[in-house]
Amino acid sequence: MLIRTASIICIILNLCAGSLAAAESMSREEGTRFSTENFSFRAGVYDISAHTRIRLDALGGLIGTTIDLEDDLLIDDQKTTSYLSFGWRMSGRHFLEVEYFNLERSGAATLTGEIEFGDHTFNFGAEVKSFFDTHVTRISYAYLIKDTEKFAFALSAGLHITDLRTGISEINSQFGDAEVVVAAVTAPLPVIGMTGAWRINDQWFMYGRLQIFRLTFDDFSGSLDHASIKLEYDAFDHVGFGVGYDLFDMGIAVDRRLWNGNVTFRFHGPILYLKGYF
């Protein structure tokens, strides 16, 4: 997933390099009244609180146990991870943004009940270890429909590419550490949404975003809600700081070889970052 994300960013950077001269020559009138930024980069930390419920059915049709990862398997419910974002104003009213972060969590627990996980049964009292890894890449195109000195509003469409991978293994079983039972799925979820921005003064800006997704087809159904708000301070020429809050709520049901079942995944938390722009 990281290699694919890096490839996407490299393609975008190559496109940017080819158009940099033209972008730098844009006047304020040719750009937008709200902002003259052509490129922006944000890097920081994301303190995530998560709640996850999963079910993995057996290939023979037996319905698996619905597991609350944080309560049943004691997987971390809070973790800090890195956050990266790249923005490009392709022309006056057309914008592209790519965001990436990952969340890798693990836990160990003594089971208080039997768990059916795929074709494997973990018995009451078993000591197990588990993990749940998430990699999220957001690619969003926005078209500016309102542009003033103080306010800007855009409609957007994009793709949330979410890679999920989870596994459970038994510790110190009579056969030694059992083989990890792993499930994985990649969910490329298209979204539509809106973005608003408010210039408080020449240095302070506030941004808000809302995106949704609902879709059912063949062996897949899913939903996604994403909302975020950010406050930025442009402290120096080309350098600023920001703080925000992000909420992500996803539910998918799949009937595939590597994940036959469902997952609901919610996380939220504050983001603190450094911003570069020109």
C-alpha atoms as a PDB file:
ATOM      1  CA  MET A   1       0.000   0.000   0.000  1.00  0.00           C
ATOM      2  CA  LEU A   2       2.808   2.424   0.874  1.00  0.00           C
ATOM      3  CA  ILE A   3       4.500   1.718  -2.484  1.00  0.00           C
ATOM      4  CA  ARG A   4       1.242   2.398  -4.349  1.00  0.00           C
ATOM      5  CA  THR A   5       0.708   5.618  -2.400  1.00  0.00           C
ATOM      6  CA  ALA A   6       4.273   6.740  -3.106  1.00  0.00           C
ATOM      7  CA  SER A   7       3.716   6.037  -6.812  1.00  0.00           C
ATOM      8  CA  ILE A   8       0.572   8.184  -6.831  1.00  0.00           C
ATOM      9  CA  ILE A   9       2.380  11.041  -5.107  1.00  0.00           C
ATOM     10  CA  CYS A  10       5.342  10.751  -7.524  1.00  0.00           C
ATOM     11  CA  ILE A  11       3.005  10.990 -10.524  1.00  0.00           C
ATOM     12  CA  ILE A  12       1.397  14.086  -9.041  1.00  0.00           C
ATOM     13  CA  LEU A  13       4.784  15.639  -8.278  1.00  0.00           C
ATOM     14  CA  ASN A  14       5.905  15.031 -11.870  1.00  0.00           C
ATOM     15  CA  LEU A  15       2.781  16.716 -13.151  1.00  0.00           C
ATOM     16  CA  CYS A  16       3.401  19.569 -10.759  1.00  0.00           C
ATOM     17  CA  ALA A  17       6.983  19.985 -11.954  1.00  0.00           C
ATOM     18  CA  GLY A  18       5.781  20.216 -15.542  1.00  0.00           C
ATOM     19  CA  SER A  19       3.299  22.948 -14.709  1.00  0.00           C
ATOM     20  CA  LEU A  20       5.248  24.824 -12.038  1.00  0.00           C
ATOM     21  CA  ALA A  21       6.376  27.642 -14.298  1.00  0.00           C
ATOM     22  CA  ALA A  22       2.836  28.278 -15.468  1.00  0.00           C
ATOM     23  CA  ALA A  23       1.465  28.032 -11.945  1.00  0.00           C
ATOM     24  CA  GLU A  24       3.983  30.511 -10.549  1.00  0.00           C
ATOM     25  CA  SER A  25       3.032  33.040 -13.246  1.00  0.00           C
ATOM     26  CA  MET A  26      -0.660  32.991 -12.334  1.00  0.00           C
ATOM     27  CA  SER A  27      -1.841  36.394 -11.205  1.00  0.00           C
ATOM     28  CA  ARG A  28      -4.355  36.857  -8.424  1.00  0.00           C
ATOM     29  CA  GLU A  29      -7.066  37.551 -10.997  1.00  0.00           C
ATOM     30  CA  GLU A  30      -6.239  34.349 -12.882  1.00  0.00           C
ATOM     31  CA  GLY A  31      -6.338  32.358  -9.665  1.00  0.00           C
ATOM     32  CA  THR A  32      -8.886  32.758  -6.904  1.00  0.00           C
ATOM     33  CA  ARG A  33      -9.753  35.729  -4.782  1.00  0.00           C
ATOM     34  CA  PHE A  34      -9.727  33.675  -1.582  1.00  0.00           C
ATOM     35  CA  SER A  35      -6.163  32.356  -1.899  1.00  0.00           C
ATOM     36  CA  THR A  36      -3.209  32.510  -4.287  1.00  0.00           C
ATOM     37  CA  GLU A  37      -1.678  29.211  -3.119  1.00  0.00           C
ATOM     38  CA  ASN A  38      -0.705  26.899  -5.964  1.00  0.00           C
ATOM     39  CA  PHE A  39       0.835  24.077  -3.937  1.00  0.00           C
ATOM     40  CA  SER A  40       0.646  23.083  -0.283  1.00  0.00           C
ATOM     41  CA  PHE A  41       2.128  20.315   1.821  1.00  0.00           C
ATOM     42  CA  ARG A  42       1.097  19.329   5.339  1.00  0.00           C
ATOM     43  CA  ALA A  43       2.938  16.923   7.640  1.00  0.00           C
ATOM     44  CA  GLY A  44       2.080  16.199  11.238  1.00  0.00           C
ATOM     45  CA  VAL A  45       0.667  13.808  13.798  1.00  0.00           C
ATOM     46  CA  TYR A  46      -2.817  12.338  14.136  1.00  0.00           C
ATOM     47  CA  ASP A  47      -3.941  11.152  17.599  1.00  0.00           C
ATOM     48  CA  ILE A  48      -6.598   8.548  16.755  1.00  0.00           C
ATOM     49  CA  SER A  49      -9.267   6.982  18.952  1.00  0.00           C
ATOM     50  CA  ALA A  50     -10.783   3.919  17.254  1.00  0.00           C
ATOM     51  CA  HIS A  51     -13.658   1.471  17.638  1.00  0.00           C
ATOM     52  CA  THR A  52     -13.773  -1.624  15.443  1.00  0.00           C
ATOM     53  CA  ARG A  53     -16.162  -4.551  15.028  1.00  0.00           C
ATOM     54  CA  ILE A  54     -15.399  -7.375  12.596  1.00  0.00           C
ATOM     55  CA  ARG A  55     -16.836 -10.725  11.510  1.00  0.00           C
ATOM     56  CA  LEU A  56     -15.070 -13.322   9.372  1.00  0.00           C
ATOM     57  CA  ASP A  57     -17.273 -16.158   8.064  1.00  0.00           C
ATOM     58  CA  ALA A  58     -16.038 -19.621   7.158  1.00  0.00           C
ATOM     59  CA  LEU A  59     -15.721 -20.477   3.480  1.00  0.00           C
ATOM     60  CA  GLY A  60     -18.250 -23.271   4.012  1.00  0.00           C
ATOM     61  CA  GLY A  61     -20.940 -20.766   4.982  1.00  0.00           C
ATOM     62  CA  LEU A  62     -20.725 -20.877   8.795  1.00  0.00           C
ATOM     63  CA  ILE A  63     -21.354 -17.383  10.197  1.00  0.00           C
ATOM     64  CA  GLY A  64     -18.445 -16.154  12.298  1.00  0.00           C
ATOM     65  CA  THR A  65     -18.479 -14.396  15.639  1.00  0.00           C
ATOM     66  CA  THR A  66     -18.869 -10.629  15.668  1.00  0.00           C
ATOM     67  CA  ILE A  67     -15.807  -9.379  17.540  1.00  0.00           C
ATOM     68  CA  ASP A  68     -15.307  -6.033  19.235  1.00  0.00           C
ATOM     69  CA  LEU A  69     -11.555  -5.720  18.751  1.00  0.00           C
ATOM     70  CA  GLU A  70     -10.962  -3.190  21.499  1.00  0.00           C
ATOM     71  CA  ASP A  71     -13.156  -4.896  24.130  1.00  0.00           C
ATOM     72  CA  ASP A  72     -12.803  -8.598  23.242  1.00  0.00           C
ATOM     73  CA  LEU A  73      -9.184  -8.728  22.066  1.00  0.00           C
ATOM     74  CA  LEU A  74      -7.822  -5.650  23.878  1.00  0.00           C
ATOM     75  CA  ILE A  75      -6.432  -4.129  20.702  1.00  0.00           C
ATOM     76  CA  ASP A  76      -5.229  -0.557  21.219  1.00  0.00           C
ATOM     77  CA  ASP A  77      -8.136   1.876  21.082  1.00  0.00           C
ATOM     78  CA  GLN A  78      -5.916   4.956  20.849  1.00  0.00           C
ATOM     79  CA  LYS A  79      -2.687   5.575  18.968  1.00  0.00           C
ATOM     80  CA  THR A  80      -0.719   8.437  17.453  1.00  0.00           C
ATOM     81  CA  THR A  81       0.382   8.163  13.840  1.00  0.00           C
ATOM     82  CA  SER A  82       1.820  10.377  11.106  1.00  0.00           C
ATOM     83  CA  TYR A  83      -0.309  12.438   8.720  1.00  0.00           C
ATOM     84  CA  LEU A  84       0.630  13.655   5.225  1.00  0.00           C
ATOM     85  CA  SER A  85      -1.295  15.826   2.780  1.00  0.00           C
ATOM     86  CA  PHE A  86      -0.486  17.375  -0.604  1.00  0.00           C
ATOM     87  CA  GLY A  87      -2.635  19.996  -2.371  1.00  0.00           C
ATOM     88  CA  TRP A  88      -2.400  21.381  -5.900  1.00  0.00           C
ATOM     89  CA  ARG A  89      -4.422  24.125  -7.568  1.00  0.00           C
ATOM     90  CA  MET A  90      -4.406  22.830 -11.136  1.00  0.00           C
ATOM     91  CA  SER A  91      -6.016  26.025 -12.437  1.00  0.00           C
ATOM     92  CA  GLY A  92      -8.108  28.853 -11.039  1.00  0.00           C
ATOM     93  CA  ARG A  93     -11.077  26.782  -9.833  1.00  0.00           C
ATOM     94  CA  HIS A  94      -9.757  23.210  -9.990  1.00  0.00           C
ATOM     95  CA  PHE A  95      -8.015  21.598  -7.010  1.00  0.00           C
ATOM     96  CA  LEU A  96      -6.503  18.196  -6.259  1.00  0.00           C
ATOM     97  CA  GLU A  97      -5.615  16.872  -2.804  1.00  0.00           C
ATOM     98  CA  VAL A  98      -3.986  13.634  -1.650  1.00  0.00           C
ATOM     99  CA  GLU A  99      -3.885  12.564   2.016  1.00  0.00           C
ATOM    100  CA  TYR A 100      -2.261   9.521   3.571  1.00  0.00           C
ATOM    101  CA  PHE A 101      -2.010   7.982   7.020  1.00  0.00           C
ATOM    102  CA  ASN A 102      -1.834   4.517   8.528  1.00  0.00           C
ATOM    103  CA  LEU A 103      -2.895   2.976  11.812  1.00  0.00           C
ATOM    104  CA  GLU A 104      -1.319  -0.281  12.970  1.00  0.00           C
ATOM    105  CA  ARG A 105      -2.606  -1.722  16.234  1.00  0.00           C
ATOM    106  CA  SER A 106      -2.162  -4.934  18.182  1.00  0.00           C
ATOM    107  CA  GLY A 107      -3.286  -6.563  21.422  1.00  0.00           C
ATOM    108  CA  ALA A 108      -3.212  -9.676  23.592  1.00  0.00           C
ATOM    109  CA  ALA A 109      -6.080 -11.101  25.639  1.00  0.00           C
ATOM    110  CA  THR A 110      -7.525 -14.163  27.362  1.00  0.00           C
ATOM    111  CA  LEU A 111     -10.830 -15.005  25.711  1.00  0.00           C
ATOM    112  CA  THR A 112     -13.987 -14.834  27.817  1.00  0.00           C
ATOM    113  CA  GLY A 113     -15.999 -16.672  25.172  1.00  0.00           C
ATOM    114  CA  GLU A 114     -15.604 -18.840  22.097  1.00  0.00           C
ATOM    115  CA  ILE A 115     -14.722 -17.084  18.841  1.00  0.00           C
ATOM    116  CA  GLU A 116     -15.400 -18.411  15.350  1.00  0.00           C
ATOM    117  CA  PHE A 117     -12.988 -16.604  13.055  1.00  0.00           C
ATOM    118  CA  GLY A 118     -13.089 -17.854   9.497  1.00  0.00           C
ATOM    119  CA  ASP A 119     -12.491 -21.605   9.508  1.00  0.00           C
ATOM    120  CA  HIS A 120     -10.813 -21.501  12.923  1.00  0.00           C
ATOM    121  CA  THR A 121     -12.309 -21.741  16.421  1.00  0.00           C
ATOM    122  CA  PHE A 122     -10.641 -20.039  19.379  1.00  0.00           C
ATOM    123  CA  ASN A 123     -11.937 -21.569  22.610  1.00  0.00           C
ATOM    124  CA  PHE A 124     -12.950 -19.982  25.893  1.00  0.00           C
ATOM    125  CA  GLY A 125      -9.883 -19.229  28.033  1.00  0.00           C
ATOM    126  CA  ALA A 126      -7.438 -19.267  25.112  1.00  0.00           C
ATOM    127  CA  GLU A 127      -4.653 -16.705  25.178  1.00  0.00           C
ATOM    128  CA  VAL A 128      -4.560 -14.917  21.851  1.00  0.00           C
ATOM    129  CA  LYS A 129      -2.696 -12.098  20.190  1.00  0.00           C
ATOM    130  CA  SER A 130      -4.151 -10.064  17.350  1.00  0.00           C
ATOM    131  CA  PHE A 131      -3.557  -7.115  15.067  1.00  0.00           C
ATOM    132  CA  PHE A 132      -5.570  -4.728  12.913  1.00  0.00           C
ATOM    133  CA  ASP A 133      -3.733  -2.593  10.338  1.00  0.00           C
ATOM    134  CA  THR A 134      -5.316   0.241   8.391  1.00  0.00           C
ATOM    135  CA  HIS A 135      -3.818   2.252   5.531  1.00  0.00           C
ATOM    136  CA  VAL A 136      -5.895   5.127   4.162  1.00  0.00           C
ATOM    137  CA  THR A 137      -5.229   7.140   0.992  1.00  0.00           C
ATOM    138  CA  ARG A 138      -7.661   9.924   0.127  1.00  0.00           C
ATOM    139  CA  ILE A 139      -7.657  11.449  -3.357  1.00  0.00           C
ATOM    140  CA  SER A 140     -10.048  14.344  -3.852  1.00  0.00           C
ATOM    141  CA  TYR A 141     -10.877  16.688  -6.743  1.00  0.00           C
ATOM    142  CA  ALA A 142     -12.715  19.921  -5.926  1.00  0.00           C
ATOM    143  CA  TYR A 143     -14.309  22.594  -8.106  1.00  0.00           C
ATOM    144  CA  LEU A 144     -14.674  26.057  -6.619  1.00  0.00           C
ATOM    145  CA  ILE A 145     -18.191  27.406  -7.057  1.00  0.00           C
ATOM    146  CA  LYS A 146     -18.048  30.386  -4.659  1.00  0.00           C
ATOM    147  CA  ASP A 147     -14.987  32.605  -4.396  1.00  0.00           C
ATOM    148  CA  THR A 148     -14.790  35.834  -2.383  1.00  0.00           C
ATOM    149  CA  GLU A 149     -12.086  37.540  -0.349  1.00  0.00           C
ATOM    150  CA  LYS A 150     -13.528  36.061   2.868  1.00  0.00           C
ATOM    151  CA  PHE A 151     -15.282  32.842   1.856  1.00  0.00           C
ATOM    152  CA  ALA A 152     -14.806  29.966  -0.578  1.00  0.00           C
ATOM    153  CA  PHE A 153     -17.013  26.944  -1.237  1.00  0.00           C
ATOM    154  CA  ALA A 154     -16.316  23.913  -3.449  1.00  0.00           C
ATOM    155  CA  LEU A 155     -18.012  20.693  -4.494  1.00  0.00           C
ATOM    156  CA  SER A 156     -15.797  17.615  -4.533  1.00  0.00           C
ATOM    157  CA  ALA A 157     -15.546  14.016  -5.688  1.00  0.00           C
ATOM    158  CA  GLY A 158     -12.863  11.550  -4.786  1.00  0.00           C
ATOM    159  CA  LEU A 159     -11.705   8.135  -3.749  1.00  0.00           C
ATOM    160  CA  HIS A 160     -10.961   6.739  -0.289  1.00  0.00           C
ATOM    161  CA  ILE A 161      -8.663   3.731  -0.713  1.00  0.00           C
ATOM    162  CA  THR A 162      -8.703   1.824   2.569  1.00  0.00           C
ATOM    163  CA  ASP A 163      -6.550  -1.261   3.088  1.00  0.00           C
ATOM    164  CA  LEU A 164      -7.584  -3.400   6.056  1.00  0.00           C
ATOM    165  CA  ARG A 165      -5.641  -6.397   7.359  1.00  0.00           C
ATOM    166  CA  THR A 166      -6.353  -8.297  10.567  1.00  0.00           C
ATOM    167  CA  GLY A 167      -5.275 -11.517  12.187  1.00  0.00           C
ATOM    168  CA  ILE A 168      -5.596 -13.645  15.344  1.00  0.00           C
ATOM    169  CA  SER A 169      -3.292 -16.374  16.679  1.00  0.00           C
ATOM    170  CA  GLU A 170      -3.315 -18.448  19.845  1.00  0.00           C
ATOM    171  CA  ILE A 171      -0.408 -18.087  22.274  1.00  0.00           C
ATOM    172  CA  ASN A 172       1.121 -21.122  24.001  1.00  0.00           C
ATOM    173  CA  SER A 173      -1.398 -23.621  22.665  1.00  0.00           C
ATOM    174  CA  GLN A 174      -0.612 -27.326  22.959  1.00  0.00           C
ATOM    175  CA  PHE A 175       0.830 -27.095  19.448  1.00  0.00           C
ATOM    176  CA  GLY A 176       2.906 -23.989  20.163  1.00  0.00           C
ATOM    177  CA  ASP A 177       1.931 -20.598  18.795  1.00  0.00           C
ATOM    178  CA  ALA A 178      -0.775 -21.383  16.251  1.00  0.00           C
ATOM    179  CA  GLU A 179      -0.665 -20.046  12.709  1.00  0.00           C
ATOM    180  CA  VAL A 180      -2.083 -16.552  12.374  1.00  0.00           C
ATOM    181  CA  VAL A 181      -5.559 -16.547  10.811  1.00  0.00           C
ATOM    182  CA  VAL A 182      -5.469 -13.492   8.529  1.00  0.00           C
ATOM    183  CA  ALA A 183      -8.162 -11.569   6.659  1.00  0.00           C
ATOM    184  CA  ALA A 184      -7.521  -8.668   4.295  1.00  0.00           C
ATOM    185  CA  VAL A 185      -9.557  -6.414   2.043  1.00  0.00           C
ATOM    186  CA  THR A 186      -8.971  -3.280  -0.030  1.00  0.00           C
ATOM    187  CA  ALA A 187     -11.971  -0.967  -0.215  1.00  0.00           C
ATOM    188  CA  PRO A 188     -11.717   1.751  -2.901  1.00  0.00           C
ATOM    189  CA  LEU A 189     -14.747   3.819  -1.944  1.00  0.00           C
ATOM    190  CA  PRO A 190     -15.807   6.728  -4.192  1.00  0.00           C
ATOM    191  CA  VAL A 191     -17.111   9.765  -2.312  1.00  0.00           C
ATOM    192  CA  ILE A 192     -18.854  13.035  -3.037  1.00  0.00           C
ATOM    193  CA  GLY A 193     -18.776  16.018  -0.762  1.00  0.00           C
ATOM    194  CA  MET A 194     -18.262  19.701  -0.128  1.00  0.00           C
ATOM    195  CA  THR A 195     -15.551  21.938   1.282  1.00  0.00           C
ATOM    196  CA  GLY A 196     -15.860  25.391   2.803  1.00  0.00           C
ATOM    197  CA  ALA A 197     -13.202  27.930   3.799  1.00  0.00           C
ATOM    198  CA  TRP A 198     -13.264  31.166   5.792  1.00  0.00           C
ATOM    199  CA  ARG A 199     -10.519  33.802   5.907  1.00  0.00           C
ATOM    200  CA  ILE A 200     -10.591  35.178   9.451  1.00  0.00           C
ATOM    201  CA  ASN A 201      -7.801  37.647   8.655  1.00  0.00           C
ATOM    202  CA  ASP A 202      -4.614  37.686   6.583  1.00  0.00           C
ATOM    203  CA  GLN A 203      -3.007  34.956   8.715  1.00  0.00           C
ATOM    204  CA  TRP A 204      -5.846  32.855  10.156  1.00  0.00           C
ATOM    205  CA  PHE A 205      -7.986  30.490   8.059  1.00  0.00           C
ATOM    206  CA  MET A 206     -10.648  27.894   8.845  1.00  0.00           C
ATOM    207  CA  TYR A 207     -11.596  24.931   6.634  1.00  0.00           C
ATOM    208  CA  GLY A 208     -14.392  22.367   6.833  1.00  0.00           C
ATOM    209  CA  ARG A 209     -15.096  19.230   4.781  1.00  0.00           C
ATOM    210  CA  LEU A 210     -17.900  16.691   4.545  1.00  0.00           C
ATOM    211  CA  GLN A 211     -17.844  13.531   2.358  1.00  0.00           C
ATOM    212  CA  ILE A 212     -20.254  10.577   2.054  1.00  0.00           C
ATOM    213  CA  PHE A 213     -20.515   7.254   0.219  1.00  0.00           C
ATOM    214  CA  ARG A 214     -23.246   4.593  -0.120  1.00  0.00           C
ATOM    215  CA  LEU A 215     -23.012   1.741  -2.616  1.00  0.00           C
ATOM    216  CA  THR A 216     -24.012  -1.917  -3.102  1.00  0.00           C
ATOM    217  CA  PHE A 217     -22.906  -4.116  -5.983  1.00  0.00           C
ATOM    218  CA  ASP A 218     -22.189  -7.832  -6.509  1.00  0.00           C
ATOM    219  CA  ASP A 219     -20.155  -9.118  -3.545  1.00  0.00           C
ATOM    220  CA  PHE A 220     -19.611  -5.745  -1.892  1.00  0.00           C
ATOM    221  CA  SER A 221     -21.631  -3.140  -0.029  1.00  0.00           C
ATOM    222  CA  GLY A 222     -20.315  -0.211   1.908  1.00  0.00           C
ATOM    223  CA  SER A 223     -20.863   3.166   3.480  1.00  0.00           C
ATOM    224  CA  LEU A 224     -18.515   5.943   4.488  1.00  0.00           C
ATOM    225  CA  ASP A 225     -18.930   9.238   6.321  1.00  0.00           C
ATOM    226  CA  HIS A 226     -16.017  11.625   6.684  1.00  0.00           C
ATOM    227  CA  ALA A 227     -15.969  15.064   8.285  1.00  0.00           C
ATOM    228  CA  SER A 228     -13.070  17.319   9.222  1.00  0.00           C
ATOM    229  CA  ILE A 229     -12.399  20.842  10.407  1.00  0.00           C
ATOM    230  CA  LYS A 230      -9.051  22.683  10.423  1.00  0.00           C
ATOM    231  CA  LEU A 231      -7.727  25.970  11.737  1.00  0.00           C
ATOM    232  CA  GLU A 232      -4.513  27.265  10.149  1.00  0.00           C
ATOM    233  CA  TYR A 233      -2.128  30.084  10.983  1.00  0.00           C
ATOM    234  CA  ASP A 234       0.210  31.321   8.236  1.00  0.00           C
ATOM    235  CA  ALA A 235       3.013  32.465  10.520  1.00  0.00           C
ATOM    236  CA  PHE A 236       5.651  33.248   7.872  1.00  0.00           C
ATOM    237  CA  ASP A 237       5.970  33.491   4.109  1.00  0.00           C
ATOM    238  CA  HIS A 238       5.372  29.958   2.796  1.00  0.00           C
ATOM    239  CA  VAL A 239       5.201  28.389   6.294  1.00  0.00           C
ATOM    240  CA  GLY A 240       2.251  27.886   8.602  1.00  0.00           C
ATOM    241  CA  PHE A 241       0.824  25.711  11.338  1.00  0.00           C
ATOM    242  CA  GLY A 242      -2.501  23.962  11.713  1.00  0.00           C
ATOM    243  CA  VAL A 243      -4.705  22.022  14.071  1.00  0.00           C
ATOM    244  CA  GLY A 244      -7.763  20.037  13.103  1.00  0.00           C
ATOM    245  CA  TYR A 245     -10.219  17.331  14.041  1.00  0.00           C
ATOM    246  CA  ASP A 246     -11.090  14.381  11.801  1.00  0.00           C
ATOM    247  CA  LEU A 247     -13.983  11.879  11.977  1.00  0.00           C
ATOM    248  CA  PHE A 248     -14.140   8.754   9.797  1.00  0.00           C
ATOM    249  CA  ASP A 249     -16.924   6.143   9.933  1.00  0.00           C
ATOM    250  CA  MET A 250     -16.874   3.180   7.543  1.00  0.00           C
ATOM    251  CA  GLY A 251     -18.916  -0.001   7.201  1.00  0.00           C
ATOM    252  CA  ILE A 252     -18.401  -2.699   4.570  1.00  0.00           C
ATOM    253  CA  ALA A 253     -19.749  -6.182   3.922  1.00  0.00           C
ATOM    254  CA  VAL A 254     -17.855  -8.401   1.491  1.00  0.00           C
ATOM    255  CA  ASP A 255     -18.044 -11.936   0.152  1.00  0.00           C
ATOM    256  CA  ARG A 256     -14.500 -12.571  -1.025  1.00  0.00           C
ATOM    257  CA  ARG A 257     -11.840 -15.184  -0.487  1.00  0.00           C
ATOM    258  CA  LEU A 258      -9.627 -13.127   1.848  1.00  0.00           C
ATOM    259  CA  TRP A 259     -12.504 -11.532   3.759  1.00  0.00           C
ATOM    260  CA  ASN A 260     -15.958 -13.059   3.784  1.00  0.00           C
ATOM    261  CA  GLY A 261     -17.891 -11.102   6.400  1.00  0.00           C
ATOM    262  CA  ASN A 262     -18.103  -7.490   7.491  1.00  0.00           C
ATOM    263  CA  VAL A 263     -16.355  -4.715   9.353  1.00  0.00           C
ATOM    264  CA  THR A 264     -17.430  -1.446  10.922  1.00  0.00           C
ATOM    265  CA  PHE A 265     -14.629   0.941  11.688  1.00  0.00           C
ATOM    266  CA  ARG A 266     -14.863   4.358  13.326  1.00  0.00           C
ATOM    267  CA  PHE A 267     -11.996   6.605  14.318  1.00  0.00           C
ATOM    268  CA  HIS A 268     -11.631  10.239  15.248  1.00  0.00           C
ATOM    269  CA  GLY A 269      -9.133  12.579  16.815  1.00  0.00           C
ATOM    270  CA  PRO A 270      -7.080  15.767  16.616  1.00  0.00           C
ATOM    271  CA  ILE A 271      -4.405  16.488  14.005  1.00  0.00           C
ATOM    272  CA  LEU A 272      -1.463  18.848  14.553  1.00  0.00           C
ATOM    273  CA  TYR A 273       0.666  19.717  11.541  1.00  0.00           C
ATOM    274  CA  LEU A 274       3.218  21.970   9.837  1.00  0.00           C
ATOM    275  CA  LYS A 275       2.221  23.523   6.518  1.00  0.00           C
ATOM    276  CA  GLY A 276       4.346  24.635   3.586  1.00  0.00           C
ATOM    277  CA  TYR A 277       2.817  26.533   0.657  1.00  0.00           C
ATOM    278  CA  PHE A 278       3.678  28.625  -2.377  1.00  0.00           C
END
